[in-house]
PDB file of N, CA and C in Angstrom:
ATOM      1  N   UNK A   1       0.094  -1.386   0.042  1.00  0.00           N
ATOM      2  CA  UNK A   1       0.266   0.080  -0.649  1.00  0.00           C
ATOM      3  C   UNK A   1       1.432   1.307  -0.215  1.00  0.00           C
ATOM      4  N   UNK A   2       0.626   2.210  -0.785  1.00  0.00           N
ATOM      5  CA  UNK A   2       0.834   3.089  -0.649  1.00  0.00           C
ATOM      6  C   UNK A   2       1.278   3.667   0.568  1.00  0.00           C
ATOM      7  N   UNK A   3       2.110   4.635   1.552  1.00  0.00           N
ATOM      8  CA  UNK A   3       2.015   5.000   2.504  1.00  0.00           C
ATOM      9  C   UNK A   3       2.595   6.839   1.920  1.00  0.00           C
ATOM     10  N   UNK A   4       1.924   7.597   3.101  1.00  0.00           N
ATOM     11  CA  UNK A   4       2.001   9.128   3.164  1.00  0.00           C
ATOM     12  C   UNK A   4       3.990   9.693   3.595  1.00  0.00           C
ATOM     13  N   UNK A   5       4.268  10.219   2.886  1.00  0.00           N
ATOM     14  CA  UNK A   5       5.089  10.522   3.146  1.00  0.00           C
ATOM     15  C   UNK A   5       6.086  11.862   3.820  1.00  0.00           C
ATOM     16  N   UNK A   6       4.322  12.603   4.270  1.00  0.00           N
ATOM     17  CA  UNK A   6       5.249  13.466   5.618  1.00  0.00           C
ATOM     18  C   UNK A   6       3.761  13.508   5.828  1.00  0.00           C
ATOM     19  N   UNK A   7       3.017  14.201   7.476  1.00  0.00           N
ATOM     20  CA  UNK A   7       1.565  14.566   7.737  1.00  0.00           C
ATOM     21  C   UNK A   7       1.767  15.303   7.176  1.00  0.00           C
ATOM     22  N   UNK A   8      -0.204  15.144   6.737  1.00  0.00           N
ATOM     23  CA  UNK A   8      -0.629  16.287   6.505  1.00  0.00           C
ATOM     24  C   UNK A   8      -0.956  17.224   8.068  1.00  0.00           C
ATOM     25  N   UNK A   9      -0.731  18.737   7.519  1.00  0.00           N
ATOM     26  CA  UNK A   9      -0.970  19.117   8.762  1.00  0.00           C
ATOM     27  C   UNK A   9      -3.310  19.544   8.583  1.00  0.00           C
ATOM     28  N   UNK A  10      -2.938  19.938   9.968  1.00  0.00           N
ATOM     29  CA  UNK A  10      -4.995  19.856  10.193  1.00  0.00           C
ATOM     30  C   UNK A  10      -5.443  21.297   8.839  1.00  0.00           C
ATOM     31  N   UNK A  11      -4.340  21.836   8.707  1.00  0.00           N
ATOM     32  CA  UNK A  11      -4.753  23.640   8.007  1.00  0.00           C
ATOM     33  C   UNK A  11      -5.596  22.595   6.969  1.00  0.00           C
ATOM     34  N   UNK A  12      -4.215  21.749   6.167  1.00  0.00           N
ATOM     35  CA  UNK A  12      -4.111  21.445   4.914  1.00  0.00           C
ATOM     36  C   UNK A  12      -5.253  20.938   4.368  1.00  0.00           C
ATOM     37  N   UNK A  13      -5.321  20.072   5.647  1.00  0.00           N
ATOM     38  CA  UNK A  13      -6.479  18.735   5.464  1.00  0.00           C
ATOM     39  C   UNK A  13      -8.458  19.638   5.465  1.00  0.00           C
ATOM     40  N   UNK A  14      -8.388  20.076   5.999  1.00  0.00           N
ATOM     41  CA  UNK A  14      -9.662  21.151   6.811  1.00  0.00           C
ATOM     42  C   UNK A  14      -9.911  22.699   5.225  1.00  0.00           C
ATOM     43  N   UNK A  15      -8.994  22.277   4.543  1.00  0.00           N
ATOM     44  CA  UNK A  15      -9.049  23.072   3.332  1.00  0.00           C
ATOM     45  C   UNK A  15      -9.052  22.258   1.832  1.00  0.00           C
ATOM     46  N   UNK A  16      -8.876  21.125   2.053  1.00  0.00           N
ATOM     47  CA  UNK A  16      -9.471  20.153   0.574  1.00  0.00           C
ATOM     48  C   UNK A  16     -10.368  19.719   1.559  1.00  0.00           C
ATOM     49  N   UNK A  17     -10.889  19.709   2.486  1.00  0.00           N
ATOM     50  CA  UNK A  17     -12.753  19.061   3.314  1.00  0.00           C
ATOM     51  C   UNK A  17     -13.490  20.335   3.150  1.00  0.00           C
ATOM     52  N   UNK A  18     -12.727  21.264   2.869  1.00  0.00           N
ATOM     53  CA  UNK A  18     -13.633  22.510   2.790  1.00  0.00           C
ATOM     54  C   UNK A  18     -14.693  22.525   1.897  1.00  0.00           C
ATOM     55  N   UNK A  19     -13.868  22.218   0.266  1.00  0.00           N
ATOM     56  CA  UNK A  19     -14.724  22.098  -1.055  1.00  0.00           C
ATOM     57  C   UNK A  19     -15.506  20.571  -1.436  1.00  0.00           C
ATOM     58  N   UNK A  20     -15.588  20.223  -0.302  1.00  0.00           N
ATOM     59  CA  UNK A  20     -16.933  18.648  -0.303  1.00  0.00           C
ATOM     60  C   UNK A  20     -18.213  19.568  -0.078  1.00  0.00           C
ATOM     61  N   UNK A  21     -18.559  20.402   0.796  1.00  0.00           N
ATOM     62  CA  UNK A  21     -19.779  20.394   0.514  1.00  0.00           C
ATOM     63  C   UNK A  21     -20.144  21.491  -0.445  1.00  0.00           C
ATOM     64  N   UNK A  22     -19.252  22.317  -1.111  1.00  0.00           N
ATOM     65  CA  UNK A  22     -20.126  22.574  -2.265  1.00  0.00           C
ATOM     66  C   UNK A  22     -20.163  22.352  -3.319  1.00  0.00           C
ATOM     67  N   UNK A  23     -19.579  20.689  -3.816  1.00  0.00           N
ATOM     68  CA  UNK A  23     -19.722  19.858  -4.599  1.00  0.00           C
ATOM     69  C   UNK A  23     -21.217  19.491  -4.345  1.00  0.00           C
ATOM     70  N   UNK A  24     -21.834  19.009  -3.136  1.00  0.00           N
ATOM     71  CA  UNK A  24     -22.435  18.187  -3.057  1.00  0.00           C
ATOM     72  C   UNK A  24     -23.522  18.513  -2.088  1.00  0.00           C
ATOM     73  N   UNK A  25     -23.781  19.544  -2.492  1.00  0.00           N
ATOM     74  CA  UNK A  25     -25.361  20.188  -2.008  1.00  0.00           C
ATOM     75  C   UNK A  25     -26.346  19.866  -3.094  1.00  0.00           C
ATOM     76  N   UNK A  26     -27.163  19.561  -2.691  1.00  0.00           N
ATOM     77  CA  UNK A  26     -28.942  19.048  -3.074  1.00  0.00           C
ATOM     78  C   UNK A  26     -29.356  19.840  -4.459  1.00  0.00           C
ATOM     79  N   UNK A  27     -29.725  19.380  -5.257  1.00  0.00           N
ATOM     80  CA  UNK A  27     -30.282  19.779  -6.193  1.00  0.00           C
ATOM     81  C   UNK A  27     -31.521  20.690  -6.164  1.00  0.00           C
ATOM     82  N   UNK A  28     -30.981  22.425  -6.869  1.00  0.00           N
ATOM     83  CA  UNK A  28     -32.135  23.170  -6.765  1.00  0.00           C
ATOM     84  C   UNK A  28     -33.814  23.119  -7.542  1.00  0.00           C
ATOM     85  N   UNK A  29     -34.801  23.568  -7.294  1.00  0.00           N
ATOM     86  CA  UNK A  29     -35.545  22.957  -7.010  1.00  0.00           C
ATOM     87  C   UNK A  29     -36.816  24.012  -8.155  1.00  0.00           C
ATOM     88  N   UNK A  30     -37.584  23.557  -9.191  1.00  0.00           N
ATOM     89  CA  UNK A  30     -38.071  24.487 -10.226  1.00  0.00           C
ATOM     90  C   UNK A  30     -39.539  24.011  -9.761  1.00  0.00           C
ATOM     91  N   UNK A  31     -40.071  25.524  -9.754  1.00  0.00           N
ATOM     92  CA  UNK A  31     -41.993  24.940 -10.027  1.00  0.00           C
ATOM     93  C   UNK A  31     -42.319  24.696 -11.547  1.00  0.00           C
ATOM     94  N   UNK A  32     -43.544  23.714 -11.364  1.00  0.00           N
ATOM     95  CA  UNK A  32     -44.028  23.047 -12.359  1.00  0.00           C
ATOM     96  C   UNK A  32     -45.129  23.798 -12.856  1.00  0.00           C
ATOM     97  N   UNK A  33     -45.386  24.672 -13.997  1.00  0.00           N
ATOM     98  CA  UNK A  33     -46.288  25.486 -14.901  1.00  0.00           C
ATOM     99  C   UNK A  33     -47.730  25.101 -14.888  1.00  0.00           C
ATOM    100  N   UNK A  34     -48.170  23.500 -14.908  1.00  0.00           N
ATOM    101  CA  UNK A  34     -48.733  23.012 -14.850  1.00  0.00           C
ATOM    102  C   UNK A  34     -49.293  23.312 -13.864  1.00  0.00           C
ATOM    103  N   UNK A  35     -49.343  22.540 -12.726  1.00  0.00           N
ATOM    104  CA  UNK A  35     -49.199  22.643 -11.257  1.00  0.00           C
ATOM    105  C   UNK A  35     -48.636  22.700  -9.931  1.00  0.00           C
ATOM    106  N   UNK A  36     -47.569  24.278 -10.629  1.00  0.00           N
ATOM    107  CA  UNK A  36     -47.267  24.516  -9.743  1.00  0.00           C
ATOM    108  C   UNK A  36     -46.265  23.703  -7.998  1.00  0.00           C
ATOM    109  N   UNK A  37     -46.139  22.938  -8.619  1.00  0.00           N
ATOM    110  CA  UNK A  37     -46.074  22.154  -7.983  1.00  0.00           C
ATOM    111  C   UNK A  37     -44.106  22.403  -7.611  1.00  0.00           C
ATOM    112  N   UNK A  38     -43.460  22.231  -7.028  1.00  0.00           N
ATOM    113  CA  UNK A  38     -41.845  22.311  -6.445  1.00  0.00           C
ATOM    114  C   UNK A  38     -41.216  20.883  -7.834  1.00  0.00           C
ATOM    115  N   UNK A  39     -40.256  20.917  -8.332  1.00  0.00           N
ATOM    116  CA  UNK A  39     -39.840  19.506  -9.157  1.00  0.00           C
ATOM    117  C   UNK A  39     -39.012  19.684  -9.189  1.00  0.00           C
ATOM    118  N   UNK A  40     -37.796  18.515  -9.861  1.00  0.00           N
ATOM    119  CA  UNK A  40     -36.429  18.576  -9.456  1.00  0.00           C
ATOM    120  C   UNK A  40     -36.350  18.854 -11.261  1.00  0.00           C
ATOM    121  N   UNK A  41     -35.268  20.083 -11.277  1.00  0.00           N
ATOM    122  CA  UNK A  41     -35.333  20.715 -13.010  1.00  0.00           C
ATOM    123  C   UNK A  41     -34.582  19.075 -14.545  1.00  0.00           C
ATOM    124  N   UNK A  42     -35.460  19.367 -15.159  1.00  0.00           N
ATOM    125  CA  UNK A  42     -35.000  18.074 -16.294  1.00  0.00           C
ATOM    126  C   UNK A  42     -35.676  16.613 -15.805  1.00  0.00           C
ATOM    127  N   UNK A  43     -37.049  16.808 -15.444  1.00  0.00           N
ATOM    128  CA  UNK A  43     -37.989  15.891 -14.873  1.00  0.00           C
ATOM    129  C   UNK A  43     -39.024  16.592 -15.108  1.00  0.00           C
ATOM    130  N   UNK A  44     -40.111  15.267 -15.248  1.00  0.00           N
ATOM    131  CA  UNK A  44     -41.352  15.009 -14.950  1.00  0.00           C
ATOM    132  C   UNK A  44     -41.680  15.282 -13.678  1.00  0.00           C
ATOM    133  N   UNK A  45     -42.941  16.242 -14.200  1.00  0.00           N
ATOM    134  CA  UNK A  45     -43.233  16.231 -12.637  1.00  0.00           C
ATOM    135  C   UNK A  45     -43.951  15.198 -12.057  1.00  0.00           C
ATOM    136  N   UNK A  46     -43.340  15.114 -10.893  1.00  0.00           N
ATOM    137  CA  UNK A  46     -44.350  14.023 -10.134  1.00  0.00           C
ATOM    138  C   UNK A  46     -46.038  13.619  -9.953  1.00  0.00           C
ATOM    139  N   UNK A  47     -46.130  15.320  -9.442  1.00  0.00           N
ATOM    140  CA  UNK A  47     -47.641  15.280  -9.512  1.00  0.00           C
ATOM    141  C   UNK A  47     -48.512  15.354 -10.298  1.00  0.00           C
ATOM    142  N   UNK A  48     -48.022  15.620 -11.643  1.00  0.00           N
ATOM    143  CA  UNK A  48     -48.776  15.581 -13.010  1.00  0.00           C
ATOM    144  C   UNK A  48     -48.840  14.722 -13.464  1.00  0.00           C
ATOM    145  N   UNK A  49     -47.426  15.017 -14.248  1.00  0.00           N
ATOM    146  CA  UNK A  49     -46.372  13.930 -15.117  1.00  0.00           C
ATOM    147  C   UNK A  49     -46.394  14.591 -16.127  1.00  0.00           C
ATOM    148  N   UNK A  50     -46.223  16.366 -16.373  1.00  0.00           N
ATOM    149  CA  UNK A  50     -46.137  16.886 -18.159  1.00  0.00           C
ATOM    150  C   UNK A  50     -44.708  17.532 -17.736  1.00  0.00           C
ATOM    151  N   UNK A  51     -44.329  17.217 -19.265  1.00  0.00           N
ATOM    152  CA  UNK A  51     -42.805  17.824 -19.220  1.00  0.00           C
ATOM    153  C   UNK A  51     -43.202  18.518 -20.064  1.00  0.00           C
ATOM    154  N   UNK A  52     -42.157  19.516 -19.905  1.00  0.00           N
ATOM    155  CA  UNK A  52     -42.711  20.830 -21.421  1.00  0.00           C
ATOM    156  C   UNK A  52     -43.805  21.220 -21.917  1.00  0.00           C
ATOM    157  N   UNK A  53     -44.790  21.065 -21.262  1.00  0.00           N
ATOM    158  CA  UNK A  53     -46.469  21.204 -21.249  1.00  0.00           C
ATOM    159  C   UNK A  53     -47.206  20.133 -22.140  1.00  0.00           C
ATOM    160  N   UNK A  54     -46.290  19.192 -21.849  1.00  0.00           N
ATOM    161  CA  UNK A  54     -46.550  17.524 -22.662  1.00  0.00           C
ATOM    162  C   UNK A  54     -46.877  16.713 -21.269  1.00  0.00           C
ATOM    163  N   UNK A  55     -48.264  16.101 -21.715  1.00  0.00           N
ATOM    164  CA  UNK A  55     -48.671  14.793 -20.584  1.00  0.00           C
ATOM    165  C   UNK A  55     -46.950  13.311 -20.907  1.00  0.00           C
ATOM    166  N   UNK A  56     -46.288  13.287 -19.909  1.00  0.00           N
ATOM    167  CA  UNK A  56     -45.514  12.463 -20.157  1.00  0.00           C
ATOM    168  C   UNK A  56     -46.173  11.221 -19.415  1.00  0.00           C
ATOM    169  N   UNK A  57     -46.030  11.017 -18.053  1.00  0.00           N
ATOM    170  CA  UNK A  57     -46.224  10.038 -17.570  1.00  0.00           C
ATOM    171  C   UNK A  57     -48.020  10.786 -17.016  1.00  0.00           C
ATOM    172  N   UNK A  58     -49.172   9.231 -16.608  1.00  0.00           N
ATOM    173  CA  UNK A  58     -49.762   9.115 -15.425  1.00  0.00           C
ATOM    174  C   UNK A  58     -50.035   8.896 -14.820  1.00  0.00           C
ATOM    175  N   UNK A  59     -51.088   9.319 -13.511  1.00  0.00           N
ATOM    176  CA  UNK A  59     -50.692   9.338 -11.560  1.00  0.00           C
ATOM    177  C   UNK A  59     -51.656   7.884 -12.478  1.00  0.00           C
ATOM    178  N   UNK A  60     -51.455   7.025 -11.124  1.00  0.00           N
ATOM    179  CA  UNK A  60     -52.353   5.516 -11.155  1.00  0.00           C
ATOM    180  C   UNK A  60     -52.889   6.206 -10.469  1.00  0.00           C
ATOM    181  N   UNK A  61     -54.192   5.395  -9.883  1.00  0.00           N
ATOM    182  CA  UNK A  61     -55.365   5.990  -8.829  1.00  0.00           C
ATOM    183  C   UNK A  61     -54.511   6.123  -7.813  1.00  0.00           C
ATOM    184  N   UNK A  62     -54.282   5.035  -7.383  1.00  0.00           N
ATOM    185  CA  UNK A  62     -53.752   5.004  -6.127  1.00  0.00           C
ATOM    186  C   UNK A  62     -52.407   5.657  -5.031  1.00  0.00           C
ATOM    187  N   UNK A  63     -51.860   6.582  -6.519  1.00  0.00           N
ATOM    188  CA  UNK A  63     -51.213   7.444  -6.035  1.00  0.00           C
ATOM    189  C   UNK A  63     -51.499   9.268  -5.219  1.00  0.00           C
TER     190      UNK A  63
END
């Protein structure tokens, strides 16, 4: 296995870890123009099944 040549200081370690939270943020949401519910961008609406003004999925009676 590879072994570190020298100790990584707390400062250097924390600088590296500070970038992690910026990349792991959750995706923003948009509002569906058909029903107004929040949805993920570039996805069909989970509530009404519309995407780009068209019905792409039908809601089942159980949901």
